[in-house]
All heavy atoms as atom14 arrays in JSON, in Angstrom:
{
  "sequence": "NRQGFVEVETPVLIKSTPEGARDFVVPSRMNQGEFYALPQSPQTFK",
  "atom14_mask": [
    [1, 1, 1, 1, 1, 1, 1, 1, 0, 0, 0, 0, 0, 0],
    [1, 1, 1, 1, 1, 1, 1, 1, 1, 1, 1, 0, 0, 0],
    [1, 1, 1, 1, 1, 1, 1, 1, 1, 0, 0, 0, 0, 0],
    [1, 1, 1, 1, 0, 0, 0, 0, 0, 0, 0, 0, 0, 0],
    [1, 1, 1, 1, 1, 1, 1, 1, 1, 1, 1, 0, 0, 0],
    [1, 1, 1, 1, 1, 1, 1, 0, 0, 0, 0, 0, 0, 0],
    [1, 1, 1, 1, 1, 1, 1, 1, 1, 0, 0, 0, 0, 0],
    [1, 1, 1, 1, 1, 1, 1, 0, 0, 0, 0, 0, 0, 0],
    [1, 1, 1, 1, 1, 1, 1, 1, 1, 0, 0, 0, 0, 0],
    [1, 1, 1, 1, 1, 1, 1, 0, 0, 0, 0, 0, 0, 0],
    [1, 1, 1, 1, 1, 1, 1, 0, 0, 0, 0, 0, 0, 0],
    [1, 1, 1, 1, 1, 1, 1, 0, 0, 0, 0, 0, 0, 0],
    [1, 1, 1, 1, 1, 1, 1, 1, 0, 0, 0, 0, 0, 0],
    [1, 1, 1, 1, 1, 1, 1, 1, 0, 0, 0, 0, 0, 0],
    [1, 1, 1, 1, 1, 1, 1, 1, 1, 0, 0, 0, 0, 0],
    [1, 1, 1, 1, 1, 1, 0, 0, 0, 0, 0, 0, 0, 0],
    [1, 1, 1, 1, 1, 1, 1, 0, 0, 0, 0, 0, 0, 0],
    [1, 1, 1, 1, 1, 1, 1, 0, 0, 0, 0, 0, 0, 0],
    [1, 1, 1, 1, 1, 1, 1, 1, 1, 0, 0, 0, 0, 0],
    [1, 1, 1, 1, 0, 0, 0, 0, 0, 0, 0, 0, 0, 0],
    [1, 1, 1, 1, 1, 0, 0, 0, 0, 0, 0, 0, 0, 0],
    [1, 1, 1, 1, 1, 1, 1, 1, 1, 1, 1, 0, 0, 0],
    [1, 1, 1, 1, 1, 1, 1, 1, 0, 0, 0, 0, 0, 0],
    [1, 1, 1, 1, 1, 1, 1, 1, 1, 1, 1, 0, 0, 0],
    [1, 1, 1, 1, 1, 1, 1, 0, 0, 0, 0, 0, 0, 0],
    [1, 1, 1, 1, 1, 1, 1, 0, 0, 0, 0, 0, 0, 0],
    [1, 1, 1, 1, 1, 1, 1, 0, 0, 0, 0, 0, 0, 0],
    [1, 1, 1, 1, 1, 1, 0, 0, 0, 0, 0, 0, 0, 0],
    [1, 1, 1, 1, 1, 1, 1, 1, 1, 1, 1, 0, 0, 0],
    [1, 1, 1, 1, 1, 1, 1, 1, 0, 0, 0, 0, 0, 0],
    [1, 1, 1, 1, 1, 1, 1, 1, 0, 0, 0, 0, 0, 0],
    [1, 1, 1, 1, 1, 1, 1, 1, 1, 0, 0, 0, 0, 0],
    [1, 1, 1, 1, 0, 0, 0, 0, 0, 0, 0, 0, 0, 0],
    [1, 1, 1, 1, 1, 1, 1, 1, 1, 0, 0, 0, 0, 0],
    [1, 1, 1, 1, 1, 1, 1, 1, 1, 1, 1, 0, 0, 0],
    [1, 1, 1, 1, 1, 1, 1, 1, 1, 1, 1, 1, 0, 0],
    [1, 1, 1, 1, 1, 0, 0, 0, 0, 0, 0, 0, 0, 0],
    [1, 1, 1, 1, 1, 1, 1, 1, 0, 0, 0, 0, 0, 0],
    [1, 1, 1, 1, 1, 1, 1, 0, 0, 0, 0, 0, 0, 0],
    [1, 1, 1, 1, 1, 1, 1, 1, 1, 0, 0, 0, 0, 0],
    [1, 1, 1, 1, 1, 1, 0, 0, 0, 0, 0, 0, 0, 0],
    [1, 1, 1, 1, 1, 1, 1, 0, 0, 0, 0, 0, 0, 0],
    [1, 1, 1, 1, 1, 1, 1, 1, 1, 0, 0, 0, 0, 0],
    [1, 1, 1, 1, 1, 1, 1, 0, 0, 0, 0, 0, 0, 0],
    [1, 1, 1, 1, 1, 1, 1, 1, 1, 1, 1, 0, 0, 0],
    [1, 1, 1, 1, 1, 1, 1, 1, 1, 0, 0, 0, 0, 0]
  ],
  "atom14_positions": [
    [[0.83, -1.21, 0.0], [0.0, 0.0, 0.0], [0.86, 1.26, 0.0], [0.57, 2.23, -0.7], [-0.94, 0.01, 1.21], [-2.04, -1.04, 1.1], [-2.34, -1.52, 0.01], [-2.64, -1.4, 2.22], [0.0, 0.0, 0.0], [0.0, 0.0, 0.0], [0.0, 0.0, 0.0], [0.0, 0.0, 0.0], [0.0, 0.0, 0.0], [0.0, 0.0, 0.0]],
    [[1.95, 1.22, 0.78], [2.84, 2.39, 0.83], [3.59, 2.59, -0.48], [4.03, 3.7, -0.78], [3.83, 2.25, 2.0], [3.21, 2.47, 3.36], [4.26, 2.86, 4.39], [5.17, 1.77, 4.65], [5.03, 0.89, 5.64], [3.97, 0.97, 6.43], [5.89, -0.07, 5.84], [0.0, 0.0, 0.0], [0.0, 0.0, 0.0], [0.0, 0.0, 0.0]],
    [[3.73, 1.51, -1.26], [4.4, 1.62, -2.56], [3.44, 2.02, -3.68], [3.83, 2.07, -4.84], [5.06, 0.28, -2.91], [6.15, -0.17, -1.96], [7.37, 0.75, -1.99], [7.79, 1.19, -3.04], [7.9, 1.06, -0.81], [0.0, 0.0, 0.0], [0.0, 0.0, 0.0], [0.0, 0.0, 0.0], [0.0, 0.0, 0.0], [0.0, 0.0, 0.0]],
    [[2.19, 2.29, -3.33], [1.22, 2.75, -4.33], [0.5, 1.65, -5.07], [-0.15, 1.9, -6.09], [0.0, 0.0, 0.0], [0.0, 0.0, 0.0], [0.0, 0.0, 0.0], [0.0, 0.0, 0.0], [0.0, 0.0, 0.0], [0.0, 0.0, 0.0], [0.0, 0.0, 0.0], [0.0, 0.0, 0.0], [0.0, 0.0, 0.0], [0.0, 0.0, 0.0]],
    [[0.57, 0.41, -4.56], [-0.16, -0.69, -5.19], [-1.64, -0.63, -4.79], [-1.98, -0.17, -3.69], [0.42, -2.03, -4.77], [1.71, -2.39, -5.46], [2.92, -1.83, -5.07], [1.71, -3.29, -6.53], [4.09, -2.15, -5.71], [2.89, -3.61, -7.18], [4.08, -3.04, -6.78], [0.0, 0.0, 0.0], [0.0, 0.0, 0.0], [0.0, 0.0, 0.0]],
    [[-2.49, -1.13, -5.67], [-3.94, -1.16, -5.43], [-4.37, -2.62, -5.32], [-4.06, -3.44, -6.2], [-4.71, -0.47, -6.57], [-6.22, -0.55, -6.31], [-4.27, 0.97, -6.73], [0.0, 0.0, 0.0], [0.0, 0.0, 0.0], [0.0, 0.0, 0.0], [0.0, 0.0, 0.0], [0.0, 0.0, 0.0], [0.0, 0.0, 0.0], [0.0, 0.0, 0.0]],
    [[-5.08, -2.97, -4.26], [-5.56, -4.34, -4.09], [-6.86, -4.52, -4.87], [-7.85, -3.83, -4.62], [-5.78, -4.66, -2.62], [-6.13, -6.12, -2.37], [-6.08, -6.5, -0.9], [-5.95, -5.61, -0.04], [-6.17, -7.72, -0.62], [0.0, 0.0, 0.0], [0.0, 0.0, 0.0], [0.0, 0.0, 0.0], [0.0, 0.0, 0.0], [0.0, 0.0, 0.0]],
    [[-6.84, -5.43, -5.84], [-8.0, -5.68, -6.69], [-8.3, -7.18, -6.69], [-7.4, -7.99, -6.9], [-7.75, -5.22, -8.14], [-8.99, -5.45, -9.0], [-7.32, -3.76, -8.19], [0.0, 0.0, 0.0], [0.0, 0.0, 0.0], [0.0, 0.0, 0.0], [0.0, 0.0, 0.0], [0.0, 0.0, 0.0], [0.0, 0.0, 0.0], [0.0, 0.0, 0.0]],
    [[-9.56, -7.54, -6.44], [-9.96, -8.95, -6.49], [-10.27, -9.35, -7.93], [-10.85, -8.58, -8.69], [-11.19, -9.18, -5.62], [-10.94, -8.95, -4.15], [-12.2, -9.16, -3.33], [-12.79, -10.24, -3.42], [-12.6, -8.21, -2.62], [0.0, 0.0, 0.0], [0.0, 0.0, 0.0], [0.0, 0.0, 0.0], [0.0, 0.0, 0.0], [0.0, 0.0, 0.0]],
    [[-9.88, -10.57, -8.29], [-10.14, -11.09, -9.63], [-11.05, -12.32, -9.52], [-11.18, -12.92, -8.45], [-8.83, -11.46, -10.34], [-8.07, -12.34, -9.5], [-8.01, -10.21, -10.63], [0.0, 0.0, 0.0], [0.0, 0.0, 0.0], [0.0, 0.0, 0.0], [0.0, 0.0, 0.0], [0.0, 0.0, 0.0], [0.0, 0.0, 0.0], [0.0, 0.0, 0.0]],
    [[-11.69, -12.74, -10.62], [-12.7, -13.82, -10.55], [-12.1, -15.16, -10.13], [-10.92, -15.45, -10.36], [-13.22, -13.9, -11.99], [-12.91, -12.58, -12.6], [-11.64, -12.13, -11.96], [0.0, 0.0, 0.0], [0.0, 0.0, 0.0], [0.0, 0.0, 0.0], [0.0, 0.0, 0.0], [0.0, 0.0, 0.0], [0.0, 0.0, 0.0], [0.0, 0.0, 0.0]],
    [[-12.96, -15.98, -9.54], [-12.6, -17.34, -9.16], [-13.11, -18.35, -10.2], [-12.51, -19.39, -10.4], [-13.15, -17.68, -7.75], [-12.9, -19.14, -7.4], [-12.51, -16.77, -6.71], [0.0, 0.0, 0.0], [0.0, 0.0, 0.0], [0.0, 0.0, 0.0], [0.0, 0.0, 0.0], [0.0, 0.0, 0.0], [0.0, 0.0, 0.0], [0.0, 0.0, 0.0]],
    [[-14.21, -18.05, -10.86], [-14.72, -18.91, -11.93], [-14.23, -18.35, -13.26], [-14.69, -17.29, -13.71], [-16.25, -18.94, -11.89], [-16.88, -19.55, -10.64], [-18.4, -19.39, -10.68], [-16.5, -21.01, -10.5], [0.0, 0.0, 0.0], [0.0, 0.0, 0.0], [0.0, 0.0, 0.0], [0.0, 0.0, 0.0], [0.0, 0.0, 0.0], [0.0, 0.0, 0.0]],
    [[-13.26, -19.04, -13.88], [-12.63, -18.51, -15.09], [-12.62, -19.57, -16.19], [-13.25, -20.62, -16.08], [-11.21, -18.0, -14.79], [-10.27, -19.17, -14.42], [-11.23, -16.96, -13.68], [-8.82, -18.8, -14.4], [0.0, 0.0, 0.0], [0.0, 0.0, 0.0], [0.0, 0.0, 0.0], [0.0, 0.0, 0.0], [0.0, 0.0, 0.0], [0.0, 0.0, 0.0]],
    [[-11.85, -19.3, -17.24], [-11.76, -20.19, -18.4], [-10.57, -21.13, -18.24], [-9.49, -20.73, -17.8], [-11.57, -19.32, -19.65], [-11.54, -20.07, -20.98], [-11.28, -19.07, -22.1], [-11.29, -19.74, -23.47], [-12.64, -20.15, -23.87], [0.0, 0.0, 0.0], [0.0, 0.0, 0.0], [0.0, 0.0, 0.0], [0.0, 0.0, 0.0], [0.0, 0.0, 0.0]],
    [[-10.76, -22.39, -18.61], [-9.67, -23.36, -18.55], [-8.68, -23.1, -19.69], [-9.07, -22.77, -20.8], [-10.22, -24.78, -18.67], [-9.18, -25.72, -18.58], [0.0, 0.0, 0.0], [0.0, 0.0, 0.0], [0.0, 0.0, 0.0], [0.0, 0.0, 0.0], [0.0, 0.0, 0.0], [0.0, 0.0, 0.0], [0.0, 0.0, 0.0], [0.0, 0.0, 0.0]],
    [[-7.39, -23.23, -19.37], [-6.35, -23.08, -20.4], [-5.48, -24.33, -20.39], [-5.32, -24.98, -19.36], [-5.48, -21.84, -20.13], [-4.89, -21.95, -18.83], [-6.3, -20.57, -20.2], [0.0, 0.0, 0.0], [0.0, 0.0, 0.0], [0.0, 0.0, 0.0], [0.0, 0.0, 0.0], [0.0, 0.0, 0.0], [0.0, 0.0, 0.0], [0.0, 0.0, 0.0]],
    [[-4.87, -24.68, -21.53], [-4.17, -25.96, -21.63], [-2.79, -25.96, -21.0], [-2.25, -27.02, -20.72], [-4.07, -26.17, -23.14], [-4.04, -24.78, -23.71], [-4.91, -23.96, -22.83], [0.0, 0.0, 0.0], [0.0, 0.0, 0.0], [0.0, 0.0, 0.0], [0.0, 0.0, 0.0], [0.0, 0.0, 0.0], [0.0, 0.0, 0.0], [0.0, 0.0, 0.0]],
    [[-2.17, -24.8, -20.8], [-0.8, -24.77, -20.29], [-0.8, -24.93, -18.77], [-1.77, -24.62, -18.09], [-0.13, -23.44, -20.67], [0.02, -23.25, -22.17], [1.0, -24.23, -22.8], [2.11, -24.36, -22.31], [0.62, -24.85, -23.81], [0.0, 0.0, 0.0], [0.0, 0.0, 0.0], [0.0, 0.0, 0.0], [0.0, 0.0, 0.0], [0.0, 0.0, 0.0]],
    [[0.32, -25.4, -18.22], [0.46, -25.5, -16.78], [-0.1, -26.79, -16.22], [-0.23, -27.81, -16.92], [0.0, 0.0, 0.0], [0.0, 0.0, 0.0], [0.0, 0.0, 0.0], [0.0, 0.0, 0.0], [0.0, 0.0, 0.0], [0.0, 0.0, 0.0], [0.0, 0.0, 0.0], [0.0, 0.0, 0.0], [0.0, 0.0, 0.0], [0.0, 0.0, 0.0]],
    [[-0.44, -26.78, -14.92], [-0.95, -27.97, -14.24], [-2.41, -28.21, -14.63], [-3.03, -27.43, -15.34], [-0.83, -27.78, -12.73], [0.0, 0.0, 0.0], [0.0, 0.0, 0.0], [0.0, 0.0, 0.0], [0.0, 0.0, 0.0], [0.0, 0.0, 0.0], [0.0, 0.0, 0.0], [0.0, 0.0, 0.0], [0.0, 0.0, 0.0], [0.0, 0.0, 0.0]],
    [[-2.95, -29.33, -14.13], [-4.36, -29.64, -14.37], [-5.25, -28.65, -13.63], [-4.97, -28.27, -12.5], [-4.69, -31.06, -13.92], [-4.14, -32.15, -14.82], [-4.61, -33.52, -14.36], [-4.08, -33.82, -13.03], [-2.92, -34.4, -12.8], [-2.14, -34.73, -13.83], [-2.52, -34.65, -11.59], [0.0, 0.0, 0.0], [0.0, 0.0, 0.0], [0.0, 0.0, 0.0]],
    [[-6.34, -28.27, -14.28], [-7.31, -27.37, -13.66], [-8.32, -28.14, -12.82], [-8.67, -29.28, -13.14], [-8.11, -26.61, -14.75], [-7.3, -25.55, -15.45], [-6.44, -24.93, -14.81], [-7.54, -25.34, -16.66], [0.0, 0.0, 0.0], [0.0, 0.0, 0.0], [0.0, 0.0, 0.0], [0.0, 0.0, 0.0], [0.0, 0.0, 0.0], [0.0, 0.0, 0.0]],
    [[-8.8, -27.51, -11.76], [-10.05, -27.93, -11.15], [-11.17, -27.3, -11.98], [-11.12, -26.1, -12.27], [-10.15, -27.44, -9.7], [-9.33, -28.25, -8.74], [-8.12, -27.77, -8.25], [-9.78, -29.49, -8.3], [-7.37, -28.51, -7.36], [-9.03, -30.24, -7.41], [-7.82, -29.76, -6.94], [0.0, 0.0, 0.0], [0.0, 0.0, 0.0], [0.0, 0.0, 0.0]],
    [[-12.16, -28.08, -12.34], [-13.23, -27.56, -13.2], [-14.57, -27.58, -12.47], [-14.81, -28.43, -11.61], [-13.33, -28.34, -14.53], [-12.08, -28.14, -15.36], [-13.56, -29.83, -14.28], [0.0, 0.0, 0.0], [0.0, 0.0, 0.0], [0.0, 0.0, 0.0], [0.0, 0.0, 0.0], [0.0, 0.0, 0.0], [0.0, 0.0, 0.0], [0.0, 0.0, 0.0]],
    [[-15.42, -26.65, -12.84], [-16.74, -26.48, -12.21], [-17.79, -26.47, -13.31], [-17.76, -25.61, -14.19], [-16.81, -25.16, -11.41], [-18.18, -25.01, -10.76], [-15.7, -25.09, -10.37], [0.0, 0.0, 0.0], [0.0, 0.0, 0.0], [0.0, 0.0, 0.0], [0.0, 0.0, 0.0], [0.0, 0.0, 0.0], [0.0, 0.0, 0.0], [0.0, 0.0, 0.0]],
    [[-18.74, -27.42, -13.3], [-19.77, -27.44, -14.34], [-20.74, -26.26, -14.19], [-21.03, -25.82, -13.07], [-20.49, -28.77, -14.11], [-20.24, -29.1, -12.68], [-18.89, -28.54, -12.35], [0.0, 0.0, 0.0], [0.0, 0.0, 0.0], [0.0, 0.0, 0.0], [0.0, 0.0, 0.0], [0.0, 0.0, 0.0], [0.0, 0.0, 0.0], [0.0, 0.0, 0.0]],
    [[-21.2, -25.76, -15.31], [-22.15, -24.65, -15.3], [-23.57, -25.18, -15.51], [-23.86, -25.82, -16.52], [-21.81, -23.65, -16.41], [-22.84, -22.69, -16.55], [0.0, 0.0, 0.0], [0.0, 0.0, 0.0], [0.0, 0.0, 0.0], [0.0, 0.0, 0.0], [0.0, 0.0, 0.0], [0.0, 0.0, 0.0], [0.0, 0.0, 0.0], [0.0, 0.0, 0.0]],
    [[-24.45, -24.93, -14.54], [-25.85, -25.35, -14.67], [-26.56, -24.56, -15.77], [-27.34, -25.1, -16.54], [-26.57, -25.16, -13.34], [-28.05, -25.56, -13.37], [-28.74, -25.25, -12.06], [-28.7, -23.83, -11.76], [-29.53, -22.91, -12.26], [-30.46, -23.27, -13.14], [-29.42, -21.64, -11.92], [0.0, 0.0, 0.0], [0.0, 0.0, 0.0], [0.0, 0.0, 0.0]],
    [[-26.26, -23.26, -15.85], [-26.96, -22.39, -16.81], [-26.43, -22.56, -18.22], [-27.08, -22.15, -19.18], [-26.86, -20.93, -16.36], [-27.63, -20.64, -15.07], [-27.57, -18.91, -14.6], [-25.85, -18.73, -14.1], [0.0, 0.0, 0.0], [0.0, 0.0, 0.0], [0.0, 0.0, 0.0], [0.0, 0.0, 0.0], [0.0, 0.0, 0.0], [0.0, 0.0, 0.0]],
    [[-25.21, -23.11, -18.35], [-24.61, -23.33, -19.67], [-24.15, -24.79, -19.73], [-22.95, -25.08, -19.67], [-23.43, -22.38, -19.89], [-23.83, -20.93, -19.76], [-24.33, -20.32, -20.69], [-23.61, -20.35, -18.57], [0.0, 0.0, 0.0], [0.0, 0.0, 0.0], [0.0, 0.0, 0.0], [0.0, 0.0, 0.0], [0.0, 0.0, 0.0], [0.0, 0.0, 0.0]],
    [[-25.13, -25.69, -19.83], [-24.82, -27.12, -19.7], [-23.87, -27.58, -20.79], [-23.95, -27.16, -21.94], [-26.11, -27.93, -19.7], [-26.93, -27.7, -18.45], [-27.91, -28.83, -18.17], [-27.98, -29.82, -18.91], [-28.68, -28.69, -17.1], [0.0, 0.0, 0.0], [0.0, 0.0, 0.0], [0.0, 0.0, 0.0], [0.0, 0.0, 0.0], [0.0, 0.0, 0.0]],
    [[-22.94, -28.45, -20.37], [-21.91, -28.94, -21.27], [-20.68, -28.05, -21.28], [-19.69, -28.37, -21.93], [0.0, 0.0, 0.0], [0.0, 0.0, 0.0], [0.0, 0.0, 0.0], [0.0, 0.0, 0.0], [0.0, 0.0, 0.0], [0.0, 0.0, 0.0], [0.0, 0.0, 0.0], [0.0, 0.0, 0.0], [0.0, 0.0, 0.0], [0.0, 0.0, 0.0]],
    [[-20.74, -26.93, -20.55], [-19.6, -26.03, -20.44], [-19.14, -25.95, -18.99], [-19.92, -26.21, -18.06], [-19.97, -24.64, -20.98], [-20.31, -24.65, -22.46], [-20.58, -23.25, -23.0], [-21.39, -22.53, -22.36], [-19.99, -22.9, -24.02], [0.0, 0.0, 0.0], [0.0, 0.0, 0.0], [0.0, 0.0, 0.0], [0.0, 0.0, 0.0], [0.0, 0.0, 0.0]],
    [[-17.86, -25.58, -18.84], [-17.25, -25.66, -17.52], [-16.44, -24.4, -17.24], [-15.8, -23.84, -18.12], [-16.32, -26.88, -17.43], [-17.04, -28.19, -17.54], [-17.37, -28.69, -18.8], [-17.39, -28.9, -16.42], [-18.04, -29.89, -18.92], [-18.06, -30.11, -16.53], [-18.39, -30.6, -17.79], [0.0, 0.0, 0.0], [0.0, 0.0, 0.0], [0.0, 0.0, 0.0]],
    [[-16.46, -23.99, -15.99], [-15.5, -23.01, -15.49], [-14.25, -23.77, -15.03], [-14.28, -24.98, -14.79], [-16.04, -22.25, -14.28], [-17.32, -21.48, -14.51], [-18.54, -21.97, -14.02], [-17.31, -20.25, -15.15], [-19.71, -21.26, -14.19], [-18.47, -19.53, -15.33], [-19.68, -20.04, -14.85], [-20.83, -19.32, -15.02], [0.0, 0.0, 0.0], [0.0, 0.0, 0.0]],
    [[-13.16, -23.04, -14.87], [-11.99, -23.57, -14.17], [-11.7, -22.66, -12.99], [-11.97, -21.46, -13.03], [-10.79, -23.61, -15.11], [0.0, 0.0, 0.0], [0.0, 0.0, 0.0], [0.0, 0.0, 0.0], [0.0, 0.0, 0.0], [0.0, 0.0, 0.0], [0.0, 0.0, 0.0], [0.0, 0.0, 0.0], [0.0, 0.0, 0.0], [0.0, 0.0, 0.0]],
    [[-11.16, -23.25, -11.93], [-10.67, -22.44, -10.81], [-9.27, -21.98, -11.16], [-8.47, -22.73, -11.73], [-10.66, -23.27, -9.53], [-12.01, -23.84, -9.09], [-11.86, -24.59, -7.76], [-13.06, -22.75, -8.96], [0.0, 0.0, 0.0], [0.0, 0.0, 0.0], [0.0, 0.0, 0.0], [0.0, 0.0, 0.0], [0.0, 0.0, 0.0], [0.0, 0.0, 0.0]],
    [[-8.91, -20.74, -10.85], [-7.64, -20.17, -11.34], [-6.41, -20.79, -10.7], [-6.33, -20.92, -9.48], [-7.76, -18.68, -10.96], [-8.72, -18.65, -9.82], [-9.69, -19.76, -10.07], [0.0, 0.0, 0.0], [0.0, 0.0, 0.0], [0.0, 0.0, 0.0], [0.0, 0.0, 0.0], [0.0, 0.0, 0.0], [0.0, 0.0, 0.0], [0.0, 0.0, 0.0]],
    [[-5.46, -21.2, -11.55], [-4.15, -21.61, -11.06], [-3.36, -20.39, -10.61], [-2.48, -20.48, -9.76], [-3.4, -22.37, -12.14], [-4.08, -23.67, -12.54], [-3.28, -24.47, -13.54], [-2.05, -24.44, -13.52], [-3.97, -25.18, -14.41], [0.0, 0.0, 0.0], [0.0, 0.0, 0.0], [0.0, 0.0, 0.0], [0.0, 0.0, 0.0], [0.0, 0.0, 0.0]],
    [[-3.67, -19.26, -11.2], [-3.17, -17.95, -10.78], [-4.02, -16.92, -11.51], [-4.66, -17.26, -12.51], [-1.68, -17.78, -11.13], [-1.54, -17.4, -12.48], [0.0, 0.0, 0.0], [0.0, 0.0, 0.0], [0.0, 0.0, 0.0], [0.0, 0.0, 0.0], [0.0, 0.0, 0.0], [0.0, 0.0, 0.0], [0.0, 0.0, 0.0], [0.0, 0.0, 0.0]],
    [[-4.01, -15.67, -11.04], [-4.78, -14.64, -11.75], [-4.0, -14.04, -12.92], [-4.15, -12.87, -13.24], [-5.04, -13.58, -10.66], [-4.51, -14.15, -9.39], [-3.5, -15.17, -9.77], [0.0, 0.0, 0.0], [0.0, 0.0, 0.0], [0.0, 0.0, 0.0], [0.0, 0.0, 0.0], [0.0, 0.0, 0.0], [0.0, 0.0, 0.0], [0.0, 0.0, 0.0]],
    [[-3.14, -14.84, -13.57], [-2.18, -14.33, -14.54], [-2.79, -13.41, -15.59], [-2.37, -12.27, -15.76], [-1.47, -15.5, -15.23], [-0.41, -15.1, -16.24], [0.7, -14.29, -15.61], [1.24, -14.67, -14.59], [1.03, -13.14, -16.19], [0.0, 0.0, 0.0], [0.0, 0.0, 0.0], [0.0, 0.0, 0.0], [0.0, 0.0, 0.0], [0.0, 0.0, 0.0]],
    [[-3.79, -13.9, -16.32], [-4.33, -13.08, -17.4], [-5.07, -11.86, -16.87], [-5.03, -10.79, -17.49], [-5.25, -13.9, -18.31], [-6.22, -14.57, -17.51], [-4.47, -14.94, -19.09], [0.0, 0.0, 0.0], [0.0, 0.0, 0.0], [0.0, 0.0, 0.0], [0.0, 0.0, 0.0], [0.0, 0.0, 0.0], [0.0, 0.0, 0.0], [0.0, 0.0, 0.0]],
    [[-5.71, -12.0, -15.73], [-6.47, -10.87, -15.18], [-5.56, -9.74, -14.72], [-5.87, -8.56, -14.88], [-7.37, -11.34, -14.04], [-8.53, -12.15, -14.51], [-8.49, -13.54, -14.42], [-9.64, -11.57, -15.07], [-9.55, -14.31, -14.87], [-10.71, -12.32, -15.54], [-10.65, -13.69, -15.43], [0.0, 0.0, 0.0], [0.0, 0.0, 0.0], [0.0, 0.0, 0.0]],
    [[-4.4, -10.1, -14.13], [-3.52, -9.02, -13.7], [-2.92, -8.3, -14.91], [-2.67, -7.09, -14.86], [-2.46, -9.52, -12.72], [-1.46, -10.54, -13.24], [-0.53, -10.92, -12.08], [0.5, -11.95, -12.46], [1.38, -12.28, -11.31], [0.0, 0.0, 0.0], [0.0, 0.0, 0.0], [0.0, 0.0, 0.0], [0.0, 0.0, 0.0], [0.0, 0.0, 0.0]]
  ]
}
């Protein structure tokens, strides 16, 4: 905070990507047959 950084929350339900470790996936009731992934990191959002 003293260095001028801003704390920003990023989403927990995101898109699965093929690189890196295996994702934890969450099925979507409203979009059946499609899945969210839990973030391995907020890389793209930051």
